[in-house]
PDB file of N, CA and C in Angstrom:
ATOM      1  N   UNK A   1     -11.240 -13.552  -5.219  1.00  0.00           N
ATOM      2  CA  UNK A   1     -10.253 -13.979  -6.177  1.00  0.00           C
ATOM      3  C   UNK A   1      -8.869 -13.831  -5.546  1.00  0.00           C
ATOM      4  N   UNK A   2      -8.016 -14.773  -5.820  1.00  0.00           N
ATOM      5  CA  UNK A   2      -6.629 -14.727  -5.340  1.00  0.00           C
ATOM      6  C   UNK A   2      -5.822 -13.872  -6.306  1.00  0.00           C
ATOM      7  N   UNK A   3      -5.135 -12.868  -5.782  1.00  0.00           N
ATOM      8  CA  UNK A   3      -4.319 -11.970  -6.594  1.00  0.00           C
ATOM      9  C   UNK A   3      -2.888 -11.984  -6.080  1.00  0.00           C
ATOM     10  N   UNK A   4      -2.012 -11.295  -6.767  1.00  0.00           N
ATOM     11  CA  UNK A   4      -0.621 -11.199  -6.347  1.00  0.00           C
ATOM     12  C   UNK A   4      -0.245  -9.727  -6.175  1.00  0.00           C
ATOM     13  N   UNK A   5       0.263  -9.399  -5.000  1.00  0.00           N
ATOM     14  CA  UNK A   5       0.795  -8.065  -4.743  1.00  0.00           C
ATOM     15  C   UNK A   5       2.168  -8.259  -4.110  1.00  0.00           C
ATOM     16  N   UNK A   6       3.209  -7.966  -4.851  1.00  0.00           N
ATOM     17  CA  UNK A   6       4.557  -8.143  -4.290  1.00  0.00           C
ATOM     18  C   UNK A   6       4.938  -7.011  -3.339  1.00  0.00           C
ATOM     19  N   UNK A   7       5.707  -7.363  -2.322  1.00  0.00           N
ATOM     20  CA  UNK A   7       6.205  -6.396  -1.347  1.00  0.00           C
ATOM     21  C   UNK A   7       7.695  -6.621  -1.146  1.00  0.00           C
ATOM     22  N   UNK A   8       8.418  -5.545  -0.900  1.00  0.00           N
ATOM     23  CA  UNK A   8       9.824  -5.662  -0.559  1.00  0.00           C
ATOM     24  C   UNK A   8       9.961  -6.228   0.850  1.00  0.00           C
ATOM     25  N   UNK A   9      11.054  -6.906   1.072  1.00  0.00           N
ATOM     26  CA  UNK A   9      11.341  -7.508   2.380  1.00  0.00           C
ATOM     27  C   UNK A   9      11.312  -6.473   3.503  1.00  0.00           C
ATOM     28  N   UNK A  10      11.687  -5.242   3.207  1.00  0.00           N
ATOM     29  CA  UNK A  10      11.727  -4.197   4.252  1.00  0.00           C
ATOM     30  C   UNK A  10      10.372  -3.957   4.903  1.00  0.00           C
ATOM     31  N   UNK A  11       9.284  -4.352   4.236  1.00  0.00           N
ATOM     32  CA  UNK A  11       7.940  -4.131   4.771  1.00  0.00           C
ATOM     33  C   UNK A  11       7.408  -5.311   5.583  1.00  0.00           C
ATOM     34  N   UNK A  12       8.173  -6.390   5.683  1.00  0.00           N
ATOM     35  CA  UNK A  12       7.702  -7.621   6.339  1.00  0.00           C
ATOM     36  C   UNK A  12       7.082  -7.349   7.716  1.00  0.00           C
ATOM     37  N   UNK A  13       7.846  -6.792   8.635  1.00  0.00           N
ATOM     38  CA  UNK A  13       7.354  -6.613  10.002  1.00  0.00           C
ATOM     39  C   UNK A  13       6.137  -5.694  10.057  1.00  0.00           C
ATOM     40  N   UNK A  14       6.172  -4.606   9.313  1.00  0.00           N
ATOM     41  CA  UNK A  14       5.060  -3.647   9.325  1.00  0.00           C
ATOM     42  C   UNK A  14       3.778  -4.267   8.773  1.00  0.00           C
ATOM     43  N   UNK A  15       3.906  -5.094   7.749  1.00  0.00           N
ATOM     44  CA  UNK A  15       2.722  -5.756   7.189  1.00  0.00           C
ATOM     45  C   UNK A  15       2.191  -6.797   8.169  1.00  0.00           C
ATOM     46  N   UNK A  16       3.085  -7.600   8.711  1.00  0.00           N
ATOM     47  CA  UNK A  16       2.658  -8.667   9.611  1.00  0.00           C
ATOM     48  C   UNK A  16       2.084  -8.143  10.925  1.00  0.00           C
ATOM     49  N   UNK A  17       2.597  -7.018  11.428  1.00  0.00           N
ATOM     50  CA  UNK A  17       2.057  -6.501  12.695  1.00  0.00           C
ATOM     51  C   UNK A  17       0.893  -5.520  12.484  1.00  0.00           C
ATOM     52  N   UNK A  18       0.554  -5.243  11.224  1.00  0.00           N
ATOM     53  CA  UNK A  18      -0.607  -4.397  10.938  1.00  0.00           C
ATOM     54  C   UNK A  18      -0.319  -2.906  10.904  1.00  0.00           C
ATOM     55  N   UNK A  19       0.929  -2.502  11.116  1.00  0.00           N
ATOM     56  CA  UNK A  19       1.210  -1.066  11.069  1.00  0.00           C
ATOM     57  C   UNK A  19       1.257  -0.547   9.628  1.00  0.00           C
ATOM     58  N   UNK A  20       1.408  -1.437   8.662  1.00  0.00           N
ATOM     59  CA  UNK A  20       1.237  -1.094   7.248  1.00  0.00           C
ATOM     60  C   UNK A  20      -0.019  -1.810   6.781  1.00  0.00           C
ATOM     61  N   UNK A  21      -1.051  -1.034   6.489  1.00  0.00           N
ATOM     62  CA  UNK A  21      -2.338  -1.621   6.100  1.00  0.00           C
ATOM     63  C   UNK A  21      -2.812  -1.118   4.747  1.00  0.00           C
ATOM     64  N   UNK A  22      -1.901  -0.492   3.994  1.00  0.00           N
ATOM     65  CA  UNK A  22      -2.231  -0.015   2.651  1.00  0.00           C
ATOM     66  C   UNK A  22      -0.993  -0.064   1.782  1.00  0.00           C
ATOM     67  N   UNK A  23      -1.237  -0.230   0.494  1.00  0.00           N
ATOM     68  CA  UNK A  23      -0.163  -0.140  -0.479  1.00  0.00           C
ATOM     69  C   UNK A  23      -0.677   0.645  -1.671  1.00  0.00           C
ATOM     70  N   UNK A  24       0.108   1.599  -2.112  1.00  0.00           N
ATOM     71  CA  UNK A  24      -0.269   2.459  -3.227  1.00  0.00           C
ATOM     72  C   UNK A  24       0.473   2.004  -4.471  1.00  0.00           C
ATOM     73  N   UNK A  25      -0.272   1.824  -5.533  1.00  0.00           N
ATOM     74  CA  UNK A  25       0.305   1.324  -6.776  1.00  0.00           C
ATOM     75  C   UNK A  25      -0.152   2.188  -7.950  1.00  0.00           C
ATOM     76  N   UNK A  26       0.622   2.157  -9.028  1.00  0.00           N
ATOM     77  CA  UNK A  26       0.255   2.928 -10.211  1.00  0.00           C
ATOM     78  C   UNK A  26      -0.860   2.241 -10.992  1.00  0.00           C
ATOM     79  N   UNK A  27      -1.049   0.938 -10.756  1.00  0.00           N
ATOM     80  CA  UNK A  27      -2.117   0.180 -11.409  1.00  0.00           C
ATOM     81  C   UNK A  27      -2.983  -0.486 -10.355  1.00  0.00           C
ATOM     82  N   UNK A  28      -4.217  -0.698 -10.700  1.00  0.00           N
ATOM     83  CA  UNK A  28      -5.133  -1.398  -9.802  1.00  0.00           C
ATOM     84  C   UNK A  28      -4.748  -2.879  -9.788  1.00  0.00           C
ATOM     85  N   UNK A  29      -4.581  -3.436  -8.604  1.00  0.00           N
ATOM     86  CA  UNK A  29      -4.160  -4.829  -8.461  1.00  0.00           C
ATOM     87  C   UNK A  29      -5.307  -5.780  -8.142  1.00  0.00           C
ATOM     88  N   UNK A  30      -6.443  -5.251  -7.718  1.00  0.00           N
ATOM     89  CA  UNK A  30      -7.560  -6.101  -7.341  1.00  0.00           C
ATOM     90  C   UNK A  30      -8.724  -5.267  -6.868  1.00  0.00           C
ATOM     91  N   UNK A  31      -9.690  -5.938  -6.256  1.00  0.00           N
ATOM     92  CA  UNK A  31     -10.901  -5.292  -5.750  1.00  0.00           C
ATOM     93  C   UNK A  31     -11.162  -5.749  -4.322  1.00  0.00           C
ATOM     94  N   UNK A  32     -11.998  -5.002  -3.626  1.00  0.00           N
ATOM     95  CA  UNK A  32     -12.368  -5.376  -2.253  1.00  0.00           C
ATOM     96  C   UNK A  32     -12.848  -6.829  -2.241  1.00  0.00           C
ATOM     97  N   UNK A  33     -12.339  -7.577  -1.268  1.00  0.00           N
ATOM     98  CA  UNK A  33     -12.694  -8.986  -1.142  1.00  0.00           C
ATOM     99  C   UNK A  33     -11.659  -9.928  -1.730  1.00  0.00           C
ATOM    100  N   UNK A  34     -10.813  -9.435  -2.634  1.00  0.00           N
ATOM    101  CA  UNK A  34      -9.742 -10.269  -3.183  1.00  0.00           C
ATOM    102  C   UNK A  34      -8.734 -10.585  -2.085  1.00  0.00           C
ATOM    103  N   UNK A  35      -8.043 -11.693  -2.226  1.00  0.00           N
ATOM    104  CA  UNK A  35      -7.064 -12.112  -1.223  1.00  0.00           C
ATOM    105  C   UNK A  35      -5.692 -12.248  -1.863  1.00  0.00           C
ATOM    106  N   UNK A  36      -4.661 -12.133  -1.013  1.00  0.00           N
ATOM    107  CA  UNK A  36      -3.291 -12.321  -1.463  1.00  0.00           C
ATOM    108  C   UNK A  36      -2.439 -12.809  -0.309  1.00  0.00           C
ATOM    109  N   UNK A  37      -1.357 -13.438  -0.637  1.00  0.00           N
ATOM    110  CA  UNK A  37      -0.412 -13.902   0.367  1.00  0.00           C
ATOM    111  C   UNK A  37       0.814 -13.015   0.387  1.00  0.00           C
ATOM    112  N   UNK A  38       1.338 -12.786   1.587  1.00  0.00           N
ATOM    113  CA  UNK A  38       2.580 -12.032   1.747  1.00  0.00           C
ATOM    114  C   UNK A  38       3.262 -12.510   3.026  1.00  0.00           C
ATOM    115  N   UNK A  39       4.513 -12.874   2.906  1.00  0.00           N
ATOM    116  CA  UNK A  39       5.315 -13.269   4.065  1.00  0.00           C
ATOM    117  C   UNK A  39       4.645 -14.395   4.863  1.00  0.00           C
ATOM    118  N   UNK A  40       4.124 -15.374   4.131  1.00  0.00           N
ATOM    119  CA  UNK A  40       3.493 -16.572   4.701  1.00  0.00           C
ATOM    120  C   UNK A  40       2.233 -16.272   5.504  1.00  0.00           C
ATOM    121  N   UNK A  41       1.568 -15.176   5.189  1.00  0.00           N
ATOM    122  CA  UNK A  41       0.290 -14.834   5.827  1.00  0.00           C
ATOM    123  C   UNK A  41      -0.707 -14.491   4.722  1.00  0.00           C
ATOM    124  N   UNK A  42      -1.982 -14.591   5.043  1.00  0.00           N
ATOM    125  CA  UNK A  42      -3.045 -14.294   4.080  1.00  0.00           C
ATOM    126  C   UNK A  42      -3.692 -12.958   4.419  1.00  0.00           C
ATOM    127  N   UNK A  43      -3.968 -12.174   3.394  1.00  0.00           N
ATOM    128  CA  UNK A  43      -4.557 -10.852   3.540  1.00  0.00           C
ATOM    129  C   UNK A  43      -5.758 -10.710   2.612  1.00  0.00           C
ATOM    130  N   UNK A  44      -6.623  -9.780   2.972  1.00  0.00           N
ATOM    131  CA  UNK A  44      -7.798  -9.483   2.158  1.00  0.00           C
ATOM    132  C   UNK A  44      -7.826  -7.990   1.860  1.00  0.00           C
ATOM    133  N   UNK A  45      -8.116  -7.651   0.597  1.00  0.00           N
ATOM    134  CA  UNK A  45      -8.292  -6.245   0.256  1.00  0.00           C
ATOM    135  C   UNK A  45      -9.606  -5.761   0.845  1.00  0.00           C
ATOM    136  N   UNK A  46      -9.555  -4.671   1.573  1.00  0.00           N
ATOM    137  CA  UNK A  46     -10.733  -4.075   2.187  1.00  0.00           C
ATOM    138  C   UNK A  46     -11.350  -3.052   1.237  1.00  0.00           C
ATOM    139  N   UNK A  47     -10.487  -2.297   0.538  1.00  0.00           N
ATOM    140  CA  UNK A  47     -10.975  -1.302  -0.416  1.00  0.00           C
ATOM    141  C   UNK A  47      -9.861  -0.944  -1.388  1.00  0.00           C
ATOM    142  N   UNK A  48     -10.264  -0.418  -2.527  1.00  0.00           N
ATOM    143  CA  UNK A  48      -9.323   0.108  -3.516  1.00  0.00           C
ATOM    144  C   UNK A  48      -9.888   1.447  -3.957  1.00  0.00           C
ATOM    145  N   UNK A  49      -9.054   2.482  -3.883  1.00  0.00           N
ATOM    146  CA  UNK A  49      -9.507   3.841  -4.156  1.00  0.00           C
ATOM    147  C   UNK A  49      -8.482   4.564  -5.026  1.00  0.00           C
ATOM    148  N   UNK A  50      -8.948   5.293  -6.016  1.00  0.00           N
ATOM    149  CA  UNK A  50      -8.072   6.082  -6.882  1.00  0.00           C
ATOM    150  C   UNK A  50      -7.960   7.493  -6.300  1.00  0.00           C
ATOM    151  N   UNK A  51      -6.717   7.937  -6.040  1.00  0.00           N
ATOM    152  CA  UNK A  51      -6.467   9.231  -5.408  1.00  0.00           C
ATOM    153  C   UNK A  51      -5.238   9.885  -6.032  1.00  0.00           C
ATOM    154  N   UNK A  52      -5.109  11.207  -5.881  1.00  0.00           N
ATOM    155  CA  UNK A  52      -3.861  11.861  -6.280  1.00  0.00           C
ATOM    156  C   UNK A  52      -2.744  11.467  -5.300  1.00  0.00           C
ATOM    157  N   UNK A  53      -1.561  11.281  -5.821  1.00  0.00           N
ATOM    158  CA  UNK A  53      -0.429  10.864  -5.000  1.00  0.00           C
ATOM    159  C   UNK A  53      -0.181  11.834  -3.843  1.00  0.00           C
ATOM    160  N   UNK A  54      -0.379  13.119  -4.069  1.00  0.00           N
ATOM    161  CA  UNK A  54      -0.186  14.115  -3.006  1.00  0.00           C
ATOM    162  C   UNK A  54      -1.108  13.834  -1.821  1.00  0.00           C
ATOM    163  N   UNK A  55      -2.364  13.502  -2.103  1.00  0.00           N
ATOM    164  CA  UNK A  55      -3.316  13.205  -1.022  1.00  0.00           C
ATOM    165  C   UNK A  55      -2.878  11.975  -0.235  1.00  0.00           C
ATOM    166  N   UNK A  56      -2.392  10.972  -0.938  1.00  0.00           N
ATOM    167  CA  UNK A  56      -1.893   9.772  -0.251  1.00  0.00           C
ATOM    168  C   UNK A  56      -0.754  10.161   0.680  1.00  0.00           C
ATOM    169  N   UNK A  57       0.184  10.962   0.179  1.00  0.00           N
ATOM    170  CA  UNK A  57       1.347  11.317   0.998  1.00  0.00           C
ATOM    171  C   UNK A  57       0.961  12.134   2.224  1.00  0.00           C
ATOM    172  N   UNK A  58      -0.057  12.952   2.111  1.00  0.00           N
ATOM    173  CA  UNK A  58      -0.449  13.822   3.223  1.00  0.00           C
ATOM    174  C   UNK A  58      -1.368  13.145   4.237  1.00  0.00           C
ATOM    175  N   UNK A  59      -2.224  12.235   3.783  1.00  0.00           N
ATOM    176  CA  UNK A  59      -3.245  11.698   4.689  1.00  0.00           C
ATOM    177  C   UNK A  59      -3.120  10.205   4.987  1.00  0.00           C
ATOM    178  N   UNK A  60      -2.401   9.466   4.143  1.00  0.00           N
ATOM    179  CA  UNK A  60      -2.363   8.005   4.328  1.00  0.00           C
ATOM    180  C   UNK A  60      -0.962   7.457   4.574  1.00  0.00           C
ATOM    181  N   UNK A  61      -0.011   8.344   4.838  1.00  0.00           N
ATOM    182  CA  UNK A  61       1.371   7.883   5.003  1.00  0.00           C
ATOM    183  C   UNK A  61       1.518   6.864   6.128  1.00  0.00           C
ATOM    184  N   UNK A  62       0.747   7.020   7.207  1.00  0.00           N
ATOM    185  CA  UNK A  62       0.850   6.053   8.320  1.00  0.00           C
ATOM    186  C   UNK A  62       0.355   4.677   7.888  1.00  0.00           C
ATOM    187  N   UNK A  63      -0.784   4.637   7.167  1.00  0.00           N
ATOM    188  CA  UNK A  63      -1.300   3.356   6.670  1.00  0.00           C
ATOM    189  C   UNK A  63      -0.297   2.698   5.728  1.00  0.00           C
ATOM    190  N   UNK A  64       0.527   3.511   5.097  1.00  0.00           N
ATOM    191  CA  UNK A  64       1.564   3.022   4.190  1.00  0.00           C
ATOM    192  C   UNK A  64       2.808   2.544   4.937  1.00  0.00           C
ATOM    193  N   UNK A  65       2.817   2.693   6.247  1.00  0.00           N
ATOM    194  CA  UNK A  65       3.950   2.238   7.046  1.00  0.00           C
ATOM    195  C   UNK A  65       5.055   3.271   7.191  1.00  0.00           C
ATOM    196  N   UNK A  66       4.766   4.526   6.837  1.00  0.00           N
ATOM    197  CA  UNK A  66       5.764   5.596   6.923  1.00  0.00           C
ATOM    198  C   UNK A  66       5.488   6.492   8.127  1.00  0.00           C
ATOM    199  N   UNK A  67       6.520   7.162   8.604  1.00  0.00           N
ATOM    200  CA  UNK A  67       6.396   8.011   9.781  1.00  0.00           C
ATOM    201  C   UNK A  67       6.033   9.456   9.492  1.00  0.00           C
ATOM    202  N   UNK A  68       6.093   9.839   8.220  1.00  0.00           N
ATOM    203  CA  UNK A  68       5.796  11.232   7.862  1.00  0.00           C
ATOM    204  C   UNK A  68       5.479  11.312   6.373  1.00  0.00           C
ATOM    205  N   UNK A  69       4.828  12.403   5.939  1.00  0.00           N
ATOM    206  CA  UNK A  69       4.611  12.586   4.502  1.00  0.00           C
ATOM    207  C   UNK A  69       5.932  12.616   3.729  1.00  0.00           C
ATOM    208  N   UNK A  70       6.951  13.218   4.310  1.00  0.00           N
ATOM    209  CA  UNK A  70       8.252  13.294   3.647  1.00  0.00           C
ATOM    210  C   UNK A  70       8.858  11.904   3.437  1.00  0.00           C
ATOM    211  N   UNK A  71       8.723  11.053   4.438  1.00  0.00           N
ATOM    212  CA  UNK A  71       9.239   9.685   4.305  1.00  0.00           C
ATOM    213  C   UNK A  71       8.505   8.956   3.189  1.00  0.00           C
ATOM    214  N   UNK A  72       7.185   9.125   3.126  1.00  0.00           N
ATOM    215  CA  UNK A  72       6.425   8.488   2.050  1.00  0.00           C
ATOM    216  C   UNK A  72       6.905   8.977   0.685  1.00  0.00           C
ATOM    217  N   UNK A  73       7.045  10.298   0.532  1.00  0.00           N
ATOM    218  CA  UNK A  73       7.482  10.862  -0.751  1.00  0.00           C
ATOM    219  C   UNK A  73       8.877  10.358  -1.141  1.00  0.00           C
ATOM    220  N   UNK A  74       9.767  10.290  -0.177  1.00  0.00           N
ATOM    221  CA  UNK A  74      11.125   9.802  -0.425  1.00  0.00           C
ATOM    222  C   UNK A  74      11.099   8.324  -0.834  1.00  0.00           C
ATOM    223  N   UNK A  75      10.298   7.533  -0.139  1.00  0.00           N
ATOM    224  CA  UNK A  75      10.166   6.109  -0.460  1.00  0.00           C
ATOM    225  C   UNK A  75       9.593   5.932  -1.859  1.00  0.00           C
ATOM    226  N   UNK A  76       8.548   6.698  -2.185  1.00  0.00           N
ATOM    227  CA  UNK A  76       7.917   6.601  -3.509  1.00  0.00           C
ATOM    228  C   UNK A  76       8.942   6.940  -4.597  1.00  0.00           C
ATOM    229  N   UNK A  77       9.677   8.027  -4.417  1.00  0.00           N
ATOM    230  CA  UNK A  77      10.664   8.453  -5.413  1.00  0.00           C
ATOM    231  C   UNK A  77      11.750   7.395  -5.610  1.00  0.00           C
ATOM    232  N   UNK A  78      12.138   6.735  -4.534  1.00  0.00           N
ATOM    233  CA  UNK A  78      13.158   5.683  -4.633  1.00  0.00           C
ATOM    234  C   UNK A  78      12.617   4.476  -5.402  1.00  0.00           C
ATOM    235  N   UNK A  79      11.357   4.134  -5.180  1.00  0.00           N
ATOM    236  CA  UNK A  79      10.739   2.996  -5.867  1.00  0.00           C
ATOM    237  C   UNK A  79      10.399   3.309  -7.324  1.00  0.00           C
ATOM    238  N   UNK A  80      10.275   4.589  -7.646  1.00  0.00           N
ATOM    239  CA  UNK A  80       9.907   5.021  -9.002  1.00  0.00           C
ATOM    240  C   UNK A  80      10.933   6.043  -9.494  1.00  0.00           C
ATOM    241  N   UNK A  81      12.178   5.606  -9.717  1.00  0.00           N
ATOM    242  CA  UNK A  81      13.259   6.548 -10.016  1.00  0.00           C
ATOM    243  C   UNK A  81      13.100   7.328 -11.323  1.00  0.00           C
ATOM    244  N   UNK A  82      12.464   6.771 -12.307  1.00  0.00           N
ATOM    245  CA  UNK A  82      12.311   7.491 -13.582  1.00  0.00           C
ATOM    246  C   UNK A  82      11.383   8.676 -13.464  1.00  0.00           C
ATOM    247  N   UNK A  83      10.232   8.445 -12.853  1.00  0.00           N
ATOM    248  CA  UNK A  83       9.222   9.507 -12.766  1.00  0.00           C
ATOM    249  C   UNK A  83       9.318  10.272 -11.456  1.00  0.00           C
ATOM    250  N   UNK A  84       9.712   9.585 -10.407  1.00  0.00           N
ATOM    251  CA  UNK A  84       9.789  10.224  -9.099  1.00  0.00           C
ATOM    252  C   UNK A  84       8.408  10.472  -8.510  1.00  0.00           C
ATOM    253  N   UNK A  85       8.340  11.391  -7.581  1.00  0.00           N
ATOM    254  CA  UNK A  85       7.088  11.737  -6.913  1.00  0.00           C
ATOM    255  C   UNK A  85       6.436  12.880  -7.694  1.00  0.00           C
ATOM    256  N   UNK A  86       5.312  12.578  -8.335  1.00  0.00           N
ATOM    257  CA  UNK A  86       4.556  13.570  -9.104  1.00  0.00           C
ATOM    258  C   UNK A  86       3.232  13.765  -8.382  1.00  0.00           C
ATOM    259  N   UNK A  87       3.082  14.885  -7.704  1.00  0.00           N
ATOM    260  CA  UNK A  87       1.963  15.085  -6.781  1.00  0.00           C
ATOM    261  C   UNK A  87       0.591  14.867  -7.401  1.00  0.00           C
ATOM    262  N   UNK A  88       0.406  15.243  -8.645  1.00  0.00           N
ATOM    263  CA  UNK A  88      -0.922  15.124  -9.263  1.00  0.00           C
ATOM    264  C   UNK A  88      -1.180  13.760  -9.910  1.00  0.00           C
ATOM    265  N   UNK A  89      -0.197  12.864  -9.887  1.00  0.00           N
ATOM    266  CA  UNK A  89      -0.368  11.537 -10.479  1.00  0.00           C
ATOM    267  C   UNK A  89      -1.502  10.781  -9.786  1.00  0.00           C
ATOM    268  N   UNK A  90      -2.392  10.182 -10.560  1.00  0.00           N
ATOM    269  CA  UNK A  90      -3.464   9.342 -10.009  1.00  0.00           C
ATOM    270  C   UNK A  90      -2.905   7.960  -9.719  1.00  0.00           C
ATOM    271  N   UNK A  91      -3.160   7.474  -8.507  1.00  0.00           N
ATOM    272  CA  UNK A  91      -2.675   6.169  -8.072  1.00  0.00           C
ATOM    273  C   UNK A  91      -3.820   5.408  -7.395  1.00  0.00           C
ATOM    274  N   UNK A  92      -3.584   4.134  -7.162  1.00  0.00           N
ATOM    275  CA  UNK A  92      -4.586   3.286  -6.511  1.00  0.00           C
ATOM    276  C   UNK A  92      -4.102   2.888  -5.122  1.00  0.00           C
ATOM    277  N   UNK A  93      -4.898   3.224  -4.128  1.00  0.00           N
ATOM    278  CA  UNK A  93      -4.593   2.852  -2.749  1.00  0.00           C
ATOM    279  C   UNK A  93      -5.358   1.564  -2.447  1.00  0.00           C
ATOM    280  N   UNK A  94      -4.620   0.518  -2.114  1.00  0.00           N
ATOM    281  CA  UNK A  94      -5.188  -0.786  -1.776  1.00  0.00           C
ATOM    282  C   UNK A  94      -5.083  -0.951  -0.266  1.00  0.00           C
ATOM    283  N   UNK A  95      -6.211  -0.886   0.431  1.00  0.00           N
ATOM    284  CA  UNK A  95      -6.212  -1.109   1.882  1.00  0.00           C
ATOM    285  C   UNK A  95      -6.472  -2.595   2.126  1.00  0.00           C
ATOM    286  N   UNK A  96      -5.758  -3.134   3.099  1.00  0.00           N
ATOM    287  CA  UNK A  96      -5.866  -4.570   3.356  1.00  0.00           C
ATOM    288  C   UNK A  96      -5.822  -4.864   4.840  1.00  0.00           C
ATOM    289  N   UNK A  97      -6.242  -6.075   5.168  1.00  0.00           N
ATOM    290  CA  UNK A  97      -6.163  -6.550   6.548  1.00  0.00           C
ATOM    291  C   UNK A  97      -5.758  -8.019   6.511  1.00  0.00           C
ATOM    292  N   UNK A  98      -5.128  -8.425   7.586  1.00  0.00           N
ATOM    293  CA  UNK A  98      -4.726  -9.830   7.694  1.00  0.00           C
ATOM    294  C   UNK A  98      -5.978 -10.659   7.959  1.00  0.00           C
ATOM    295  N   UNK A  99      -6.114 -11.736   7.213  1.00  0.00           N
ATOM    296  CA  UNK A  99      -7.293 -12.590   7.380  1.00  0.00           C
ATOM    297  C   UNK A  99      -7.279 -13.255   8.755  1.00  0.00           C
ATOM    298  N   UNK A 100      -8.454 -13.402   9.315  1.00  0.00           N
ATOM    299  CA  UNK A 100      -8.580 -14.027  10.613  1.00  0.00           C
ATOM    300  C   UNK A 100      -8.455 -13.051  11.770  1.00  0.00           C
ATOM    301  N   UNK A 101      -8.307 -11.774  11.452  1.00  0.00           N
ATOM    302  CA  UNK A 101      -8.232 -10.724  12.487  1.00  0.00           C
ATOM    303  C   UNK A 101      -9.393  -9.777  12.309  1.00  0.00           C
ATOM    304  N   UNK A 102      -9.804  -9.163  13.392  1.00  0.00           N
ATOM    305  CA  UNK A 102     -10.905  -8.196  13.321  1.00  0.00           C
ATOM    306  C   UNK A 102     -10.472  -6.998  12.484  1.00  0.00           C
ATOM    307  N   UNK A 103     -11.411  -6.382  11.745  1.00  0.00           N
ATOM    308  CA  UNK A 103     -11.077  -5.216  10.920  1.00  0.00           C
ATOM    309  C   UNK A 103     -10.652  -4.025  11.742  1.00  0.00           C
TER     310      UNK A 103
END
């Protein structure tokens, strides 16, 4: 199924070069096998997993395109100014790959 996952322009290069291969959202956006377009390229969801935000920040920050857990937490808080970074919050990690490339 074709879905929509919006990304900020700041993530363009990281998404296109594969250094960002996951996006964490407060809501589930799709399921494994769903496809979406971003920055004139096609992507496929590889998996969707529900995790505590703290676990994402500690173990998946690189897949999120960040250089450290602190950078991930700071980025999350900036994107979610009302609630900020709440470590125990359940979130959905959407892992993806660019279509036409090996996994």
